[in-house]
Amino acid sequence: MINPAHKKHAPATARNQAPILDVLKECLPDHGTILEIASGTGQHAPYFIAQLPGHYWQPSDPDKDNRNSISAWWWEKQFKNILPPLNISTDDDPWSVESQDLPLAITAIVCINMVHISPWTSTIGLFKGAARILPPKGILYLYGPYKIDGVHTAPSNELFDISLRDRNPEWGIRDLTEVQKLARDHGFSCVKTVDMPANNLSVIFKKD
């Protein structure tokens, strides 16, 4: 039973969704299912899919409260091309979506603000799963703050990094060079990076 009262709201998500959508429109394949990893509150799904005709959106999150929130956001619009949220942790092998009968094959994976708020093993698992699931030329889109060659791009990011590591020593802003190396090790090429508001980056990988 979907309870609309379970809907959570993240102000940062509301602020970043328009510029993210602009990038997604340029980089996503023309059709297919878009798998969102670490969907959080679920705000992105109805906002994005309303302007991405020809796609299905598959949200996911390992946290039950977040999955309830994702369902509550869906209930508000009831778009037929948003699929019920799945319980996916990138550390899993395989992911639960791999046994699902989807209306269209997965052609892109979107992961927003997860890499820095999770252990490095979660990012490793993300690329392992993407390598299994995506077809050649499939897109993996990442969004969040990154260091460039070991240097923070803004003082605010450095302070944010300290606060993350204080909360959990396994968290922290990653170096883009290390993420790109991990991508290459799993058969992905970094095709584009886009500067985003609040010192974030959109990083677009394509499966070789």
N, C-alpha and C. Protein backbone atom coordinates (compact mmCIF):
# COMPACT_ATOMS: atom_id res chain seq x y z
N MET A 1 0.84 -1.19 0.00
CA MET A 1 0.00 0.00 0.00
C MET A 1 0.88 1.25 0.00
N ILE A 2 0.68 2.10 -0.97
CA ILE A 2 1.47 3.33 -1.05
C ILE A 2 0.88 4.38 -0.13
N ASN A 3 1.72 4.98 0.70
CA ASN A 3 1.30 6.02 1.63
C ASN A 3 1.91 7.35 1.20
N PRO A 4 1.12 8.31 0.72
CA PRO A 4 1.67 9.60 0.28
C PRO A 4 2.44 10.33 1.38
N ALA A 5 2.15 9.99 2.65
CA ALA A 5 2.84 10.65 3.76
C ALA A 5 4.30 10.23 3.85
N HIS A 6 4.69 9.16 3.14
CA HIS A 6 6.08 8.71 3.17
C HIS A 6 6.98 9.55 2.28
N LYS A 7 6.40 10.47 1.53
CA LYS A 7 7.19 11.27 0.59
C LYS A 7 8.18 12.17 1.32
N LYS A 8 9.45 12.02 0.97
CA LYS A 8 10.52 12.87 1.53
C LYS A 8 10.96 13.89 0.49
N HIS A 9 11.49 14.99 0.97
CA HIS A 9 11.90 16.08 0.08
C HIS A 9 13.31 16.53 0.42
N ALA A 10 14.17 16.57 -0.58
CA ALA A 10 15.55 17.05 -0.40
C ALA A 10 15.72 18.34 -1.20
N PRO A 11 15.94 19.47 -0.53
CA PRO A 11 16.07 20.74 -1.26
C PRO A 11 17.17 20.72 -2.32
N ALA A 12 18.30 20.05 -2.03
CA ALA A 12 19.39 20.00 -3.01
C ALA A 12 18.95 19.29 -4.29
N THR A 13 18.12 18.25 -4.14
CA THR A 13 17.62 17.53 -5.31
C THR A 13 16.77 18.45 -6.17
N ALA A 14 15.92 19.23 -5.55
CA ALA A 14 15.09 20.16 -6.30
C ALA A 14 15.93 21.20 -7.04
N ARG A 15 17.05 21.58 -6.43
CA ARG A 15 17.90 22.60 -7.07
C ARG A 15 18.69 22.03 -8.24
N ASN A 16 19.09 20.77 -8.17
CA ASN A 16 20.00 20.27 -9.21
C ASN A 16 19.30 19.58 -10.37
N GLN A 17 18.00 19.33 -10.26
CA GLN A 17 17.36 18.49 -11.26
C GLN A 17 17.27 19.14 -12.65
N ALA A 18 17.08 20.45 -12.72
CA ALA A 18 16.98 21.09 -14.03
C ALA A 18 18.31 21.04 -14.79
N PRO A 19 19.45 21.44 -14.18
CA PRO A 19 20.71 21.33 -14.92
C PRO A 19 21.11 19.90 -15.23
N ILE A 20 20.76 18.95 -14.37
CA ILE A 20 21.06 17.54 -14.67
C ILE A 20 20.24 17.09 -15.88
N LEU A 21 18.98 17.46 -15.92
CA LEU A 21 18.14 17.06 -17.05
C LEU A 21 18.69 17.59 -18.36
N ASP A 22 19.22 18.81 -18.36
CA ASP A 22 19.80 19.36 -19.58
C ASP A 22 20.92 18.47 -20.11
N VAL A 23 21.75 17.96 -19.20
CA VAL A 23 22.85 17.08 -19.62
C VAL A 23 22.31 15.72 -20.07
N LEU A 24 21.35 15.18 -19.33
CA LEU A 24 20.81 13.88 -19.69
C LEU A 24 20.18 13.90 -21.09
N LYS A 25 19.52 14.98 -21.42
CA LYS A 25 18.91 15.08 -22.75
C LYS A 25 19.96 14.97 -23.86
N GLU A 26 21.16 15.43 -23.57
CA GLU A 26 22.22 15.40 -24.58
C GLU A 26 22.92 14.05 -24.65
N CYS A 27 23.00 13.33 -23.54
CA CYS A 27 23.87 12.15 -23.51
C CYS A 27 23.15 10.82 -23.52
N LEU A 28 21.86 10.79 -23.19
CA LEU A 28 21.16 9.50 -23.09
C LEU A 28 20.84 8.94 -24.47
N PRO A 29 20.81 7.62 -24.59
CA PRO A 29 20.31 7.02 -25.83
C PRO A 29 18.88 7.45 -26.10
N ASP A 30 18.42 7.27 -27.34
CA ASP A 30 17.10 7.75 -27.73
C ASP A 30 15.96 7.00 -27.04
N HIS A 31 16.21 5.77 -26.61
CA HIS A 31 15.15 4.99 -25.98
C HIS A 31 15.79 3.97 -25.05
N GLY A 32 14.92 3.27 -24.30
CA GLY A 32 15.40 2.25 -23.39
C GLY A 32 14.97 2.53 -21.97
N THR A 33 15.31 1.60 -21.08
CA THR A 33 15.06 1.78 -19.65
C THR A 33 16.29 2.43 -19.02
N ILE A 34 16.06 3.46 -18.23
CA ILE A 34 17.12 4.13 -17.48
C ILE A 34 17.07 3.61 -16.05
N LEU A 35 18.12 2.97 -15.62
CA LEU A 35 18.22 2.47 -14.25
C LEU A 35 18.87 3.53 -13.39
N GLU A 36 18.14 3.98 -12.37
CA GLU A 36 18.71 4.94 -11.42
C GLU A 36 19.17 4.19 -10.18
N ILE A 37 20.43 4.34 -9.86
CA ILE A 37 21.02 3.74 -8.67
C ILE A 37 21.06 4.80 -7.57
N ALA A 38 20.68 4.39 -6.34
CA ALA A 38 20.65 5.31 -5.19
C ALA A 38 19.71 6.48 -5.47
N SER A 39 18.44 6.15 -5.70
CA SER A 39 17.45 7.17 -6.05
C SER A 39 17.11 8.11 -4.91
N GLY A 40 17.41 7.72 -3.68
CA GLY A 40 17.15 8.61 -2.55
C GLY A 40 15.67 8.87 -2.36
N THR A 41 15.29 10.14 -2.30
CA THR A 41 13.90 10.52 -2.04
C THR A 41 12.96 10.11 -3.17
N GLY A 42 13.48 9.97 -4.39
CA GLY A 42 12.64 9.64 -5.53
C GLY A 42 12.13 10.84 -6.30
N GLN A 43 12.61 12.02 -5.98
CA GLN A 43 12.14 13.24 -6.64
C GLN A 43 12.52 13.29 -8.12
N HIS A 44 13.68 12.73 -8.46
CA HIS A 44 14.16 12.87 -9.82
C HIS A 44 13.30 12.14 -10.85
N ALA A 45 12.80 10.96 -10.49
CA ALA A 45 12.11 10.13 -11.47
C ALA A 45 10.97 10.85 -12.19
N PRO A 46 9.97 11.39 -11.47
CA PRO A 46 8.87 12.04 -12.19
C PRO A 46 9.30 13.30 -12.93
N TYR A 47 10.28 14.01 -12.41
CA TYR A 47 10.74 15.23 -13.08
C TYR A 47 11.43 14.89 -14.39
N PHE A 48 12.33 13.91 -14.37
CA PHE A 48 13.09 13.56 -15.56
C PHE A 48 12.22 12.88 -16.62
N ILE A 49 11.43 11.89 -16.19
CA ILE A 49 10.74 11.06 -17.17
C ILE A 49 9.67 11.84 -17.91
N ALA A 50 9.15 12.89 -17.29
CA ALA A 50 8.15 13.72 -17.97
C ALA A 50 8.72 14.36 -19.23
N GLN A 51 10.04 14.51 -19.28
CA GLN A 51 10.68 15.17 -20.42
C GLN A 51 11.61 14.25 -21.20
N LEU A 52 11.48 12.94 -20.96
CA LEU A 52 12.30 11.96 -21.67
C LEU A 52 11.40 10.92 -22.33
N PRO A 53 10.63 11.33 -23.35
CA PRO A 53 9.75 10.37 -24.01
C PRO A 53 10.57 9.26 -24.67
N GLY A 54 9.96 8.08 -24.71
CA GLY A 54 10.66 6.94 -25.29
C GLY A 54 11.46 6.15 -24.29
N HIS A 55 11.44 6.56 -23.02
CA HIS A 55 12.20 5.88 -21.98
C HIS A 55 11.28 5.35 -20.88
N TYR A 56 11.76 4.34 -20.18
CA TYR A 56 11.22 3.94 -18.89
C TYR A 56 12.26 4.30 -17.83
N TRP A 57 11.78 4.58 -16.63
CA TRP A 57 12.69 4.93 -15.52
C TRP A 57 12.54 3.87 -14.43
N GLN A 58 13.65 3.22 -14.11
CA GLN A 58 13.66 2.19 -13.06
C GLN A 58 14.42 2.73 -11.84
N PRO A 59 13.71 3.25 -10.83
CA PRO A 59 14.39 3.73 -9.62
C PRO A 59 14.80 2.56 -8.73
N SER A 60 15.77 2.82 -7.86
CA SER A 60 16.20 1.80 -6.90
C SER A 60 16.87 2.46 -5.72
N ASP A 61 16.84 1.78 -4.60
CA ASP A 61 17.56 2.25 -3.41
C ASP A 61 17.59 1.11 -2.40
N PRO A 62 18.71 0.94 -1.69
CA PRO A 62 18.78 -0.13 -0.69
C PRO A 62 18.02 0.17 0.59
N ASP A 63 17.61 1.43 0.77
CA ASP A 63 16.95 1.85 2.01
C ASP A 63 15.43 1.77 1.85
N LYS A 64 14.76 1.06 2.73
CA LYS A 64 13.32 0.86 2.62
C LYS A 64 12.55 2.18 2.71
N ASP A 65 12.94 3.06 3.62
CA ASP A 65 12.26 4.35 3.74
C ASP A 65 12.37 5.15 2.45
N ASN A 66 13.54 5.08 1.81
CA ASN A 66 13.69 5.78 0.52
C ASN A 66 12.80 5.15 -0.54
N ARG A 67 12.70 3.83 -0.56
CA ARG A 67 11.82 3.19 -1.54
C ARG A 67 10.37 3.59 -1.31
N ASN A 68 9.97 3.72 -0.06
CA ASN A 68 8.61 4.20 0.23
C ASN A 68 8.41 5.63 -0.27
N SER A 69 9.44 6.46 -0.12
CA SER A 69 9.36 7.83 -0.62
C SER A 69 9.29 7.86 -2.14
N ILE A 70 10.08 7.00 -2.79
CA ILE A 70 10.04 6.91 -4.26
C ILE A 70 8.63 6.57 -4.72
N SER A 71 8.00 5.61 -4.06
CA SER A 71 6.64 5.22 -4.42
C SER A 71 5.65 6.36 -4.18
N ALA A 72 5.87 7.11 -3.11
CA ALA A 72 4.97 8.24 -2.83
C ALA A 72 5.09 9.34 -3.87
N TRP A 73 6.31 9.60 -4.34
CA TRP A 73 6.48 10.59 -5.41
C TRP A 73 5.82 10.09 -6.70
N TRP A 74 5.94 8.79 -6.97
CA TRP A 74 5.27 8.25 -8.15
C TRP A 74 3.76 8.41 -8.03
N TRP A 75 3.21 8.15 -6.86
CA TRP A 75 1.77 8.20 -6.64
C TRP A 75 1.19 9.57 -7.01
N GLU A 76 1.99 10.60 -6.82
CA GLU A 76 1.52 11.96 -7.10
C GLU A 76 1.24 12.16 -8.59
N LYS A 77 2.03 11.52 -9.46
CA LYS A 77 1.89 11.70 -10.91
C LYS A 77 1.35 10.44 -11.60
N GLN A 78 1.74 9.28 -11.09
CA GLN A 78 1.35 7.98 -11.64
C GLN A 78 1.72 7.83 -13.12
N PHE A 79 2.95 8.23 -13.45
CA PHE A 79 3.44 8.01 -14.80
C PHE A 79 3.59 6.52 -15.05
N LYS A 80 3.09 6.06 -16.19
CA LYS A 80 3.15 4.64 -16.50
C LYS A 80 4.56 4.17 -16.85
N ASN A 81 5.44 5.11 -17.19
CA ASN A 81 6.80 4.70 -17.56
C ASN A 81 7.80 4.87 -16.41
N ILE A 82 7.30 5.00 -15.18
CA ILE A 82 8.14 4.87 -13.99
C ILE A 82 7.81 3.52 -13.36
N LEU A 83 8.82 2.68 -13.21
CA LEU A 83 8.63 1.32 -12.70
C LEU A 83 8.76 1.30 -11.17
N PRO A 84 8.17 0.31 -10.50
CA PRO A 84 8.26 0.22 -9.04
C PRO A 84 9.72 0.15 -8.59
N PRO A 85 10.06 0.82 -7.47
CA PRO A 85 11.46 0.86 -7.02
C PRO A 85 11.95 -0.52 -6.60
N LEU A 86 13.23 -0.76 -6.89
CA LEU A 86 13.88 -2.02 -6.54
C LEU A 86 14.87 -1.81 -5.40
N ASN A 87 15.10 -2.87 -4.67
CA ASN A 87 16.11 -2.88 -3.61
C ASN A 87 17.44 -3.29 -4.24
N ILE A 88 18.27 -2.30 -4.53
CA ILE A 88 19.58 -2.59 -5.14
C ILE A 88 20.68 -1.93 -4.33
N SER A 89 21.63 -2.73 -3.90
CA SER A 89 22.90 -2.23 -3.39
C SER A 89 23.95 -2.57 -4.44
N THR A 90 24.81 -1.63 -4.76
CA THR A 90 25.82 -1.90 -5.78
C THR A 90 26.79 -2.99 -5.35
N ASP A 91 26.84 -3.29 -4.06
CA ASP A 91 27.70 -4.37 -3.59
C ASP A 91 27.15 -5.75 -3.94
N ASP A 92 25.86 -5.80 -4.33
CA ASP A 92 25.25 -7.07 -4.68
C ASP A 92 25.80 -7.59 -6.02
N ASP A 93 25.79 -8.90 -6.18
CA ASP A 93 26.18 -9.51 -7.45
C ASP A 93 25.43 -10.84 -7.58
N PRO A 94 24.39 -10.90 -8.42
CA PRO A 94 23.92 -9.86 -9.34
C PRO A 94 23.01 -8.85 -8.64
N TRP A 95 22.61 -7.81 -9.37
CA TRP A 95 21.60 -6.87 -8.89
C TRP A 95 20.22 -7.46 -9.15
N SER A 96 19.26 -7.09 -8.32
CA SER A 96 17.91 -7.64 -8.46
C SER A 96 17.28 -7.29 -9.82
N VAL A 97 17.68 -6.19 -10.42
CA VAL A 97 17.10 -5.78 -11.70
C VAL A 97 17.45 -6.77 -12.81
N GLU A 98 18.52 -7.53 -12.62
CA GLU A 98 18.96 -8.45 -13.66
C GLU A 98 18.01 -9.62 -13.85
N SER A 99 17.11 -9.83 -12.89
CA SER A 99 16.12 -10.90 -13.02
C SER A 99 14.74 -10.35 -13.35
N GLN A 100 14.64 -9.03 -13.57
CA GLN A 100 13.36 -8.40 -13.86
C GLN A 100 13.03 -8.48 -15.35
N ASP A 101 11.74 -8.58 -15.65
CA ASP A 101 11.27 -8.53 -17.02
C ASP A 101 10.87 -7.09 -17.33
N LEU A 102 11.78 -6.33 -17.90
CA LEU A 102 11.57 -4.90 -18.13
C LEU A 102 10.91 -4.67 -19.49
N PRO A 103 10.13 -3.60 -19.61
CA PRO A 103 9.48 -3.31 -20.89
C PRO A 103 10.46 -2.97 -22.01
N LEU A 104 11.58 -2.35 -21.66
CA LEU A 104 12.66 -2.07 -22.61
C LEU A 104 13.98 -2.39 -21.93
N ALA A 105 14.96 -2.80 -22.70
CA ALA A 105 16.28 -3.12 -22.14
C ALA A 105 16.92 -1.88 -21.54
N ILE A 106 17.76 -2.08 -20.53
CA ILE A 106 18.49 -0.97 -19.90
C ILE A 106 19.57 -0.49 -20.86
N THR A 107 19.52 0.79 -21.19
CA THR A 107 20.52 1.39 -22.07
C THR A 107 21.35 2.46 -21.37
N ALA A 108 20.95 2.82 -20.14
CA ALA A 108 21.69 3.84 -19.39
C ALA A 108 21.49 3.62 -17.90
N ILE A 109 22.51 3.97 -17.14
CA ILE A 109 22.45 3.96 -15.68
C ILE A 109 22.80 5.36 -15.19
N VAL A 110 21.96 5.87 -14.28
CA VAL A 110 22.15 7.20 -13.71
C VAL A 110 22.40 7.05 -12.22
N CYS A 111 23.45 7.69 -11.73
CA CYS A 111 23.80 7.60 -10.30
C CYS A 111 24.18 9.00 -9.82
N ILE A 112 23.33 9.58 -9.02
CA ILE A 112 23.47 10.98 -8.59
C ILE A 112 23.80 11.02 -7.09
N ASN A 113 24.91 11.67 -6.77
CA ASN A 113 25.29 11.91 -5.37
C ASN A 113 25.37 10.63 -4.53
N MET A 114 25.99 9.61 -5.10
CA MET A 114 26.25 8.39 -4.32
C MET A 114 27.72 8.17 -4.07
N VAL A 115 28.56 8.46 -5.05
CA VAL A 115 29.96 8.05 -5.02
C VAL A 115 30.68 8.59 -3.78
N HIS A 116 30.37 9.81 -3.38
CA HIS A 116 31.06 10.41 -2.23
C HIS A 116 30.39 10.08 -0.89
N ILE A 117 29.13 9.60 -0.92
CA ILE A 117 28.42 9.28 0.32
C ILE A 117 28.25 7.76 0.40
N SER A 118 29.33 7.05 0.19
CA SER A 118 29.35 5.59 0.26
C SER A 118 30.80 5.13 0.26
N PRO A 119 31.07 3.92 0.71
CA PRO A 119 32.44 3.41 0.63
C PRO A 119 32.90 3.25 -0.81
N TRP A 120 34.21 3.26 -1.03
CA TRP A 120 34.76 3.09 -2.37
C TRP A 120 34.32 1.76 -2.98
N THR A 121 34.08 0.76 -2.15
CA THR A 121 33.61 -0.53 -2.66
C THR A 121 32.28 -0.40 -3.38
N SER A 122 31.47 0.58 -2.99
CA SER A 122 30.19 0.79 -3.66
C SER A 122 30.39 1.30 -5.08
N THR A 123 31.40 2.13 -5.28
CA THR A 123 31.71 2.62 -6.62
C THR A 123 32.27 1.49 -7.48
N ILE A 124 33.11 0.66 -6.88
CA ILE A 124 33.60 -0.51 -7.60
C ILE A 124 32.43 -1.38 -8.04
N GLY A 125 31.50 -1.63 -7.13
CA GLY A 125 30.32 -2.42 -7.45
C GLY A 125 29.46 -1.80 -8.52
N LEU A 126 29.40 -0.45 -8.52
CA LEU A 126 28.63 0.26 -9.54
C LEU A 126 29.18 -0.04 -10.93
N PHE A 127 30.49 0.03 -11.10
CA PHE A 127 31.08 -0.22 -12.42
C PHE A 127 31.01 -1.70 -12.79
N LYS A 128 31.15 -2.58 -11.82
CA LYS A 128 31.00 -4.01 -12.11
C LYS A 128 29.60 -4.31 -12.62
N GLY A 129 28.60 -3.78 -11.92
CA GLY A 129 27.22 -4.00 -12.33
C GLY A 129 26.90 -3.37 -13.67
N ALA A 130 27.40 -2.15 -13.89
CA ALA A 130 27.16 -1.48 -15.17
C ALA A 130 27.79 -2.26 -16.31
N ALA A 131 28.97 -2.84 -16.07
CA ALA A 131 29.63 -3.63 -17.12
C ALA A 131 28.81 -4.87 -17.46
N ARG A 132 28.14 -5.47 -16.47
CA ARG A 132 27.32 -6.64 -16.72
C ARG A 132 26.04 -6.28 -17.49
N ILE A 133 25.45 -5.14 -17.14
CA ILE A 133 24.09 -4.84 -17.57
C ILE A 133 24.02 -4.05 -18.87
N LEU A 134 24.90 -3.08 -19.03
CA LEU A 134 24.77 -2.16 -20.15
C LEU A 134 25.24 -2.81 -21.46
N PRO A 135 24.62 -2.45 -22.57
CA PRO A 135 25.08 -2.93 -23.87
C PRO A 135 26.26 -2.08 -24.33
N PRO A 136 26.97 -2.48 -25.39
CA PRO A 136 27.99 -1.60 -25.97
C PRO A 136 27.39 -0.24 -26.29
N LYS A 137 28.13 0.80 -25.98
CA LYS A 137 27.72 2.20 -26.14
C LYS A 137 26.68 2.64 -25.11
N GLY A 138 26.35 1.76 -24.15
CA GLY A 138 25.47 2.16 -23.06
C GLY A 138 26.12 3.24 -22.21
N ILE A 139 25.30 4.08 -21.59
CA ILE A 139 25.78 5.25 -20.87
C ILE A 139 25.68 5.05 -19.36
N LEU A 140 26.75 5.42 -18.65
CA LEU A 140 26.75 5.51 -17.20
C LEU A 140 26.99 6.96 -16.83
N TYR A 141 26.00 7.57 -16.20
CA TYR A 141 26.06 9.00 -15.84
C TYR A 141 26.24 9.14 -14.34
N LEU A 142 27.27 9.87 -13.95
CA LEU A 142 27.54 10.17 -12.54
C LEU A 142 27.45 11.67 -12.30
N TYR A 143 26.95 12.03 -11.12
CA TYR A 143 26.86 13.44 -10.74
C TYR A 143 27.31 13.59 -9.30
N GLY A 144 28.09 14.63 -9.05
CA GLY A 144 28.51 14.93 -7.70
C GLY A 144 29.81 15.73 -7.70
N PRO A 145 30.38 15.99 -6.51
CA PRO A 145 31.66 16.69 -6.41
C PRO A 145 32.82 15.73 -6.60
N TYR A 146 33.89 16.23 -7.21
CA TYR A 146 35.10 15.42 -7.42
C TYR A 146 36.34 16.28 -7.22
N LYS A 147 37.41 15.63 -6.79
CA LYS A 147 38.73 16.26 -6.84
C LYS A 147 39.31 16.05 -8.23
N ILE A 148 40.15 16.99 -8.65
CA ILE A 148 40.83 16.87 -9.94
C ILE A 148 42.32 16.78 -9.67
N ASP A 149 42.92 15.64 -10.01
CA ASP A 149 44.34 15.40 -9.74
C ASP A 149 44.69 15.67 -8.29
N GLY A 150 43.83 15.21 -7.40
CA GLY A 150 44.07 15.32 -5.97
C GLY A 150 43.73 16.65 -5.34
N VAL A 151 43.20 17.59 -6.13
CA VAL A 151 42.92 18.94 -5.63
C VAL A 151 41.42 19.21 -5.66
N HIS A 152 40.90 19.73 -4.56
CA HIS A 152 39.50 20.11 -4.52
C HIS A 152 39.25 21.29 -5.46
N THR A 153 38.06 21.32 -6.06
CA THR A 153 37.74 22.37 -7.02
C THR A 153 37.23 23.64 -6.35
N ALA A 154 36.98 23.58 -5.04
CA ALA A 154 36.49 24.77 -4.32
C ALA A 154 36.71 24.55 -2.82
N PRO A 155 36.94 25.63 -2.05
CA PRO A 155 37.09 25.48 -0.60
C PRO A 155 35.86 24.82 0.04
N SER A 156 34.68 25.10 -0.48
CA SER A 156 33.47 24.50 0.09
C SER A 156 33.47 22.98 -0.08
N ASN A 157 34.02 22.50 -1.19
CA ASN A 157 34.11 21.06 -1.39
C ASN A 157 35.09 20.43 -0.40
N GLU A 158 36.18 21.14 -0.11
CA GLU A 158 37.15 20.61 0.85
C GLU A 158 36.52 20.48 2.23
N LEU A 159 35.74 21.48 2.64
CA LEU A 159 35.05 21.41 3.93
C LEU A 159 34.01 20.30 3.93
N PHE A 160 33.33 20.15 2.81
CA PHE A 160 32.34 19.08 2.68
C PHE A 160 33.01 17.71 2.80
N ASP A 161 34.16 17.57 2.18
CA ASP A 161 34.92 16.32 2.24
C ASP A 161 35.29 15.99 3.68
N ILE A 162 35.74 16.98 4.44
CA ILE A 162 36.11 16.77 5.84
C ILE A 162 34.88 16.31 6.63
N SER A 163 33.74 16.95 6.38
CA SER A 163 32.53 16.59 7.12
C SER A 163 32.07 15.18 6.79
N LEU A 164 32.21 14.79 5.52
CA LEU A 164 31.85 13.42 5.13
C LEU A 164 32.71 12.40 5.84
N ARG A 165 34.03 12.64 5.86
CA ARG A 165 34.95 11.68 6.48
C ARG A 165 34.80 11.65 8.00
N ASP A 166 34.35 12.76 8.58
CA ASP A 166 34.04 12.75 10.01
C ASP A 166 32.84 11.87 10.31
N ARG A 167 31.87 11.86 9.40
CA ARG A 167 30.68 11.03 9.57
C ARG A 167 30.99 9.55 9.36
N ASN A 168 31.85 9.29 8.36
CA ASN A 168 32.22 7.91 8.05
C ASN A 168 33.56 7.93 7.33
N PRO A 169 34.60 7.35 7.93
CA PRO A 169 35.94 7.40 7.31
C PRO A 169 35.99 6.77 5.92
N GLU A 170 35.01 5.93 5.57
CA GLU A 170 35.00 5.30 4.25
C GLU A 170 34.36 6.18 3.18
N TRP A 171 33.75 7.30 3.59
CA TRP A 171 33.14 8.23 2.65
C TRP A 171 34.17 9.28 2.23
N GLY A 172 33.77 10.14 1.32
CA GLY A 172 34.64 11.26 0.93
C GLY A 172 34.60 11.54 -0.56
N ILE A 173 34.93 12.76 -0.92
CA ILE A 173 34.97 13.17 -2.32
C ILE A 173 36.11 12.42 -3.02
N ARG A 174 35.79 11.78 -4.14
CA ARG A 174 36.76 10.95 -4.86
C ARG A 174 37.52 11.78 -5.89
N ASP A 175 38.69 11.27 -6.23
CA ASP A 175 39.48 11.91 -7.28
C ASP A 175 38.99 11.41 -8.63
N LEU A 176 38.68 12.32 -9.53
CA LEU A 176 38.14 11.94 -10.82
C LEU A 176 39.08 11.02 -11.58
N THR A 177 40.39 11.23 -11.43
CA THR A 177 41.35 10.37 -12.12
C THR A 177 41.21 8.92 -11.68
N GLU A 178 41.00 8.68 -10.38
CA GLU A 178 40.82 7.32 -9.88
C GLU A 178 39.52 6.71 -10.39
N VAL A 179 38.46 7.51 -10.46
CA VAL A 179 37.19 7.01 -10.96
C VAL A 179 37.32 6.66 -12.44
N GLN A 180 38.02 7.49 -13.20
CA GLN A 180 38.21 7.21 -14.62
C GLN A 180 39.05 5.96 -14.84
N LYS A 181 40.03 5.73 -13.97
CA LYS A 181 40.83 4.50 -14.08
C LYS A 181 39.97 3.27 -13.79
N LEU A 182 39.15 3.38 -12.76
CA LEU A 182 38.24 2.29 -12.44
C LEU A 182 37.32 2.01 -13.62
N ALA A 183 36.84 3.07 -14.25
CA ALA A 183 35.97 2.91 -15.42
C ALA A 183 36.68 2.15 -16.53
N ARG A 184 37.91 2.54 -16.83
CA ARG A 184 38.67 1.87 -17.90
C ARG A 184 38.87 0.39 -17.58
N ASP A 185 39.12 0.11 -16.31
CA ASP A 185 39.33 -1.28 -15.90
C ASP A 185 38.09 -2.15 -16.13
N HIS A 186 36.93 -1.51 -16.24
CA HIS A 186 35.69 -2.25 -16.43
C HIS A 186 35.07 -2.01 -17.81
N GLY A 187 35.89 -1.48 -18.72
CA GLY A 187 35.44 -1.37 -20.11
C GLY A 187 34.64 -0.14 -20.44
N PHE A 188 34.88 0.97 -19.72
CA PHE A 188 34.18 2.23 -19.99
C PHE A 188 35.18 3.33 -20.34
N SER A 189 34.76 4.21 -21.22
CA SER A 189 35.54 5.40 -21.56
C SER A 189 34.79 6.63 -21.06
N CYS A 190 35.53 7.58 -20.50
CA CYS A 190 34.93 8.85 -20.09
C CYS A 190 34.83 9.73 -21.33
N VAL A 191 33.62 10.01 -21.76
CA VAL A 191 33.42 10.74 -23.01
C VAL A 191 33.20 12.23 -22.78
N LYS A 192 32.83 12.61 -21.54
CA LYS A 192 32.56 14.03 -21.33
C LYS A 192 32.44 14.32 -19.84
N THR A 193 32.92 15.50 -19.42
CA THR A 193 32.62 16.03 -18.09
C THR A 193 32.02 17.41 -18.28
N VAL A 194 31.06 17.74 -17.45
CA VAL A 194 30.35 19.02 -17.57
C VAL A 194 30.36 19.69 -16.21
N ASP A 195 30.83 20.93 -16.15
CA ASP A 195 30.76 21.70 -14.92
C ASP A 195 29.30 22.00 -14.58
N MET A 196 28.95 21.78 -13.31
CA MET A 196 27.57 21.95 -12.86
C MET A 196 27.53 22.95 -11.71
N PRO A 197 26.34 23.42 -11.35
CA PRO A 197 26.24 24.36 -10.23
C PRO A 197 26.78 23.78 -8.93
N ALA A 198 27.15 24.68 -8.02
CA ALA A 198 27.61 24.31 -6.67
C ALA A 198 28.83 23.41 -6.70
N ASN A 199 29.72 23.63 -7.69
CA ASN A 199 31.00 22.92 -7.77
C ASN A 199 30.85 21.40 -7.90
N ASN A 200 29.84 21.00 -8.62
CA ASN A 200 29.64 19.59 -8.95
C ASN A 200 30.03 19.33 -10.40
N LEU A 201 30.09 18.07 -10.76
CA LEU A 201 30.40 17.66 -12.14
C LEU A 201 29.39 16.62 -12.60
N SER A 202 29.04 16.69 -13.87
CA SER A 202 28.42 15.57 -14.55
C SER A 202 29.54 14.82 -15.27
N VAL A 203 29.63 13.52 -15.05
CA VAL A 203 30.67 12.71 -15.67
C VAL A 203 29.98 11.61 -16.47
N ILE A 204 30.22 11.58 -17.78
CA ILE A 204 29.53 10.65 -18.66
C ILE A 204 30.50 9.62 -19.18
N PHE A 205 30.17 8.35 -18.91
CA PHE A 205 30.97 7.22 -19.38
C PHE A 205 30.16 6.44 -20.42
N LYS A 206 30.89 5.87 -21.39
CA LYS A 206 30.25 5.03 -22.40
C LYS A 206 30.94 3.68 -22.40
N LYS A 207 30.13 2.63 -22.43
CA LYS A 207 30.70 1.29 -22.46
C LYS A 207 31.35 1.02 -23.83
N ASP A 208 32.57 0.51 -23.79
CA ASP A 208 33.31 0.27 -25.02
C ASP A 208 32.67 -0.86 -25.83
